[in-house]
Amino acid sequence: MEPLTTNSDTNVTPSPADKPARLQTTPGSWKLMGLIIAALVAWGIFLAVGVFLNLGGEAADRFDVRRPLLVLGCTMTFLTFWLVLLWSKRRRAA
C-alpha cells in the first residue's frame, strides 16, 4: 500500500478566489447604467425644450433653433465622452 502524498504536478484548475481580481460587473449594473444614460438623455431633452420655448424671455428670442441644439449637443458630447471612457476602461481591464 502506498502512503498518501500530495502531488503538486496534477493539473488542478484554480478556483475563482485564486484568480487575480478583475473588473467584475454585477448582474444589475448594465440595467443601472442604461437607466442613468436614459435619465441624462431625458434631462438634456427637458432642458432643450425649456430653452426652445423660452417662456420668460422676449418675443424676438423665442423659437431660435440654435439654442436647444447647443444644449443637446453639450449633453450628447458629455455622454459620448463618458461612454468612451467607460469603454476604454473595460477594454483595458479585459
C-alpha atoms as a PDB file:
ATOM      1  CA  MET A   1       0.000   0.000   0.000  1.00  0.00           C
ATOM      2  CA  GLU A   2       1.335   3.427  -0.968  1.00  0.00           C
ATOM      3  CA  PRO A   3       1.459   6.281   1.504  1.00  0.00           C
ATOM      4  CA  LEU A   4      -0.828   9.258   0.918  1.00  0.00           C
ATOM      5  CA  THR A   5       1.089  12.158  -0.600  1.00  0.00           C
ATOM      6  CA  THR A   6       0.186  15.465  -2.111  1.00  0.00           C
ATOM      7  CA  ASN A   7       1.160  15.757  -5.724  1.00  0.00           C
ATOM      8  CA  SER A   8       1.761  19.321  -6.888  1.00  0.00           C
ATOM      9  CA  ASP A   9       2.155  18.208 -10.508  1.00  0.00           C
ATOM     10  CA  THR A  10      -1.518  17.457 -11.090  1.00  0.00           C
ATOM     11  CA  ASN A  11      -3.469  19.848 -13.265  1.00  0.00           C
ATOM     12  CA  VAL A  12      -5.875  21.485 -10.910  1.00  0.00           C
ATOM     13  CA  THR A  13      -7.812  24.465 -12.159  1.00  0.00           C
ATOM     14  CA  PRO A  14      -7.615  27.419  -9.806  1.00  0.00           C
ATOM     15  CA  SER A  15     -10.769  28.395  -8.035  1.00  0.00           C
ATOM     16  CA  PRO A  16     -12.277  31.825  -8.725  1.00  0.00           C
ATOM     17  CA  ALA A  17     -10.904  33.027  -5.389  1.00  0.00           C
ATOM     18  CA  ASP A  18      -7.356  32.200  -6.558  1.00  0.00           C
ATOM     19  CA  LYS A  19      -7.640  34.226  -9.756  1.00  0.00           C
ATOM     20  CA  PRO A  20      -6.485  37.868  -9.740  1.00  0.00           C
ATOM     21  CA  ALA A  21      -9.144  40.439  -9.129  1.00  0.00           C
ATOM     22  CA  ARG A  22     -10.546  41.964 -12.307  1.00  0.00           C
ATOM     23  CA  LEU A  23     -13.185  44.495 -13.004  1.00  0.00           C
ATOM     24  CA  GLN A  24     -16.327  42.497 -12.407  1.00  0.00           C
ATOM     25  CA  THR A  25     -19.813  43.661 -13.150  1.00  0.00           C
ATOM     26  CA  THR A  26     -22.765  42.803 -11.014  1.00  0.00           C
ATOM     27  CA  PRO A  27     -25.836  41.372 -12.728  1.00  0.00           C
ATOM     28  CA  GLY A  28     -27.842  44.608 -12.481  1.00  0.00           C
ATOM     29  CA  SER A  29     -25.059  47.032 -13.375  1.00  0.00           C
ATOM     30  CA  TRP A  30     -25.897  47.193 -17.104  1.00  0.00           C
ATOM     31  CA  LYS A  31     -29.530  47.900 -16.275  1.00  0.00           C
ATOM     32  CA  LEU A  32     -28.493  50.642 -13.857  1.00  0.00           C
ATOM     33  CA  MET A  33     -26.104  52.128 -16.432  1.00  0.00           C
ATOM     34  CA  GLY A  34     -28.900  52.143 -19.006  1.00  0.00           C
ATOM     35  CA  LEU A  35     -31.201  53.933 -16.572  1.00  0.00           C
ATOM     36  CA  ILE A  36     -28.567  56.574 -15.824  1.00  0.00           C
ATOM     37  CA  ILE A  37     -27.927  57.172 -19.530  1.00  0.00           C
ATOM     38  CA  ALA A  38     -31.661  57.371 -20.253  1.00  0.00           C
ATOM     39  CA  ALA A  39     -32.112  59.848 -17.390  1.00  0.00           C
ATOM     40  CA  LEU A  40     -29.289  62.048 -18.725  1.00  0.00           C
ATOM     41  CA  VAL A  41     -30.772  61.996 -22.228  1.00  0.00           C
ATOM     42  CA  ALA A  42     -34.223  62.845 -20.839  1.00  0.00           C
ATOM     43  CA  TRP A  43     -32.726  65.686 -18.769  1.00  0.00           C
ATOM     44  CA  GLY A  44     -30.955  67.069 -21.850  1.00  0.00           C
ATOM     45  CA  ILE A  45     -34.199  66.937 -23.854  1.00  0.00           C
ATOM     46  CA  PHE A  46     -36.082  68.600 -20.992  1.00  0.00           C
ATOM     47  CA  LEU A  47     -33.538  71.426 -20.862  1.00  0.00           C
ATOM     48  CA  ALA A  48     -33.540  71.800 -24.652  1.00  0.00           C
ATOM     49  CA  VAL A  49     -37.326  72.105 -24.747  1.00  0.00           C
ATOM     50  CA  GLY A  50     -37.180  74.688 -21.966  1.00  0.00           C
ATOM     51  CA  VAL A  51     -34.549  76.690 -23.836  1.00  0.00           C
ATOM     52  CA  PHE A  52     -36.520  76.414 -27.074  1.00  0.00           C
ATOM     53  CA  LEU A  53     -39.771  77.658 -25.571  1.00  0.00           C
ATOM     54  CA  ASN A  54     -38.104  80.477 -23.591  1.00  0.00           C
ATOM     55  CA  LEU A  55     -41.369  81.381 -21.901  1.00  0.00           C
ATOM     56  CA  GLY A  56     -39.868  84.130 -19.761  1.00  0.00           C
ATOM     57  CA  GLY A  57     -37.844  85.859 -22.484  1.00  0.00           C
ATOM     58  CA  GLU A  58     -38.511  88.434 -25.167  1.00  0.00           C
ATOM     59  CA  ALA A  59     -40.703  87.517 -28.110  1.00  0.00           C
ATOM     60  CA  ALA A  60     -37.833  88.075 -30.552  1.00  0.00           C
ATOM     61  CA  ASP A  61     -35.691  85.449 -28.759  1.00  0.00           C
ATOM     62  CA  ARG A  62     -38.328  82.726 -28.945  1.00  0.00           C
ATOM     63  CA  PHE A  63     -38.138  79.744 -31.265  1.00  0.00           C
ATOM     64  CA  ASP A  64     -34.432  80.009 -32.012  1.00  0.00           C
ATOM     65  CA  VAL A  65     -33.359  76.503 -33.054  1.00  0.00           C
ATOM     66  CA  ARG A  66     -29.660  77.053 -32.319  1.00  0.00           C
ATOM     67  CA  ARG A  67     -30.120  77.294 -28.568  1.00  0.00           C
ATOM     68  CA  PRO A  68     -31.701  73.865 -27.963  1.00  0.00           C
ATOM     69  CA  LEU A  69     -29.251  72.318 -30.430  1.00  0.00           C
ATOM     70  CA  LEU A  70     -26.413  73.727 -28.338  1.00  0.00           C
ATOM     71  CA  VAL A  71     -27.891  72.224 -25.159  1.00  0.00           C
ATOM     72  CA  LEU A  72     -28.474  68.836 -26.813  1.00  0.00           C
ATOM     73  CA  GLY A  73     -25.014  68.946 -28.365  1.00  0.00           C
ATOM     74  CA  CYS A  74     -23.374  69.548 -24.988  1.00  0.00           C
ATOM     75  CA  THR A  75     -25.409  66.768 -23.381  1.00  0.00           C
ATOM     76  CA  MET A  76     -24.561  64.293 -26.139  1.00  0.00           C
ATOM     77  CA  THR A  77     -20.885  65.323 -26.092  1.00  0.00           C
ATOM     78  CA  PHE A  78     -20.740  64.654 -22.363  1.00  0.00           C
ATOM     79  CA  LEU A  79     -22.459  61.264 -22.740  1.00  0.00           C
ATOM     80  CA  THR A  80     -20.198  60.287 -25.639  1.00  0.00           C
ATOM     81  CA  PHE A  81     -17.056  61.250 -23.712  1.00  0.00           C
ATOM     82  CA  TRP A  82     -18.262  59.345 -20.651  1.00  0.00           C
ATOM     83  CA  LEU A  83     -19.151  56.204 -22.629  1.00  0.00           C
ATOM     84  CA  VAL A  84     -15.791  56.266 -24.451  1.00  0.00           C
ATOM     85  CA  LEU A  85     -14.003  56.409 -21.097  1.00  0.00           C
ATOM     86  CA  LEU A  86     -16.067  53.510 -19.763  1.00  0.00           C
ATOM     87  CA  TRP A  87     -15.409  51.516 -22.938  1.00  0.00           C
ATOM     88  CA  SER A  88     -11.662  52.127 -22.790  1.00  0.00           C
ATOM     89  CA  LYS A  89     -11.554  51.150 -19.099  1.00  0.00           C
ATOM     90  CA  ARG A  90     -13.442  47.927 -19.814  1.00  0.00           C
ATOM     91  CA  ARG A  91     -11.222  47.155 -22.809  1.00  0.00           C
ATOM     92  CA  ARG A  92      -8.060  47.733 -20.758  1.00  0.00           C
ATOM     93  CA  ALA A  93      -9.330  45.538 -17.903  1.00  0.00           C
ATOM     94  CA  ALA A  94     -10.184  42.601 -20.161  1.00  0.00           C
END
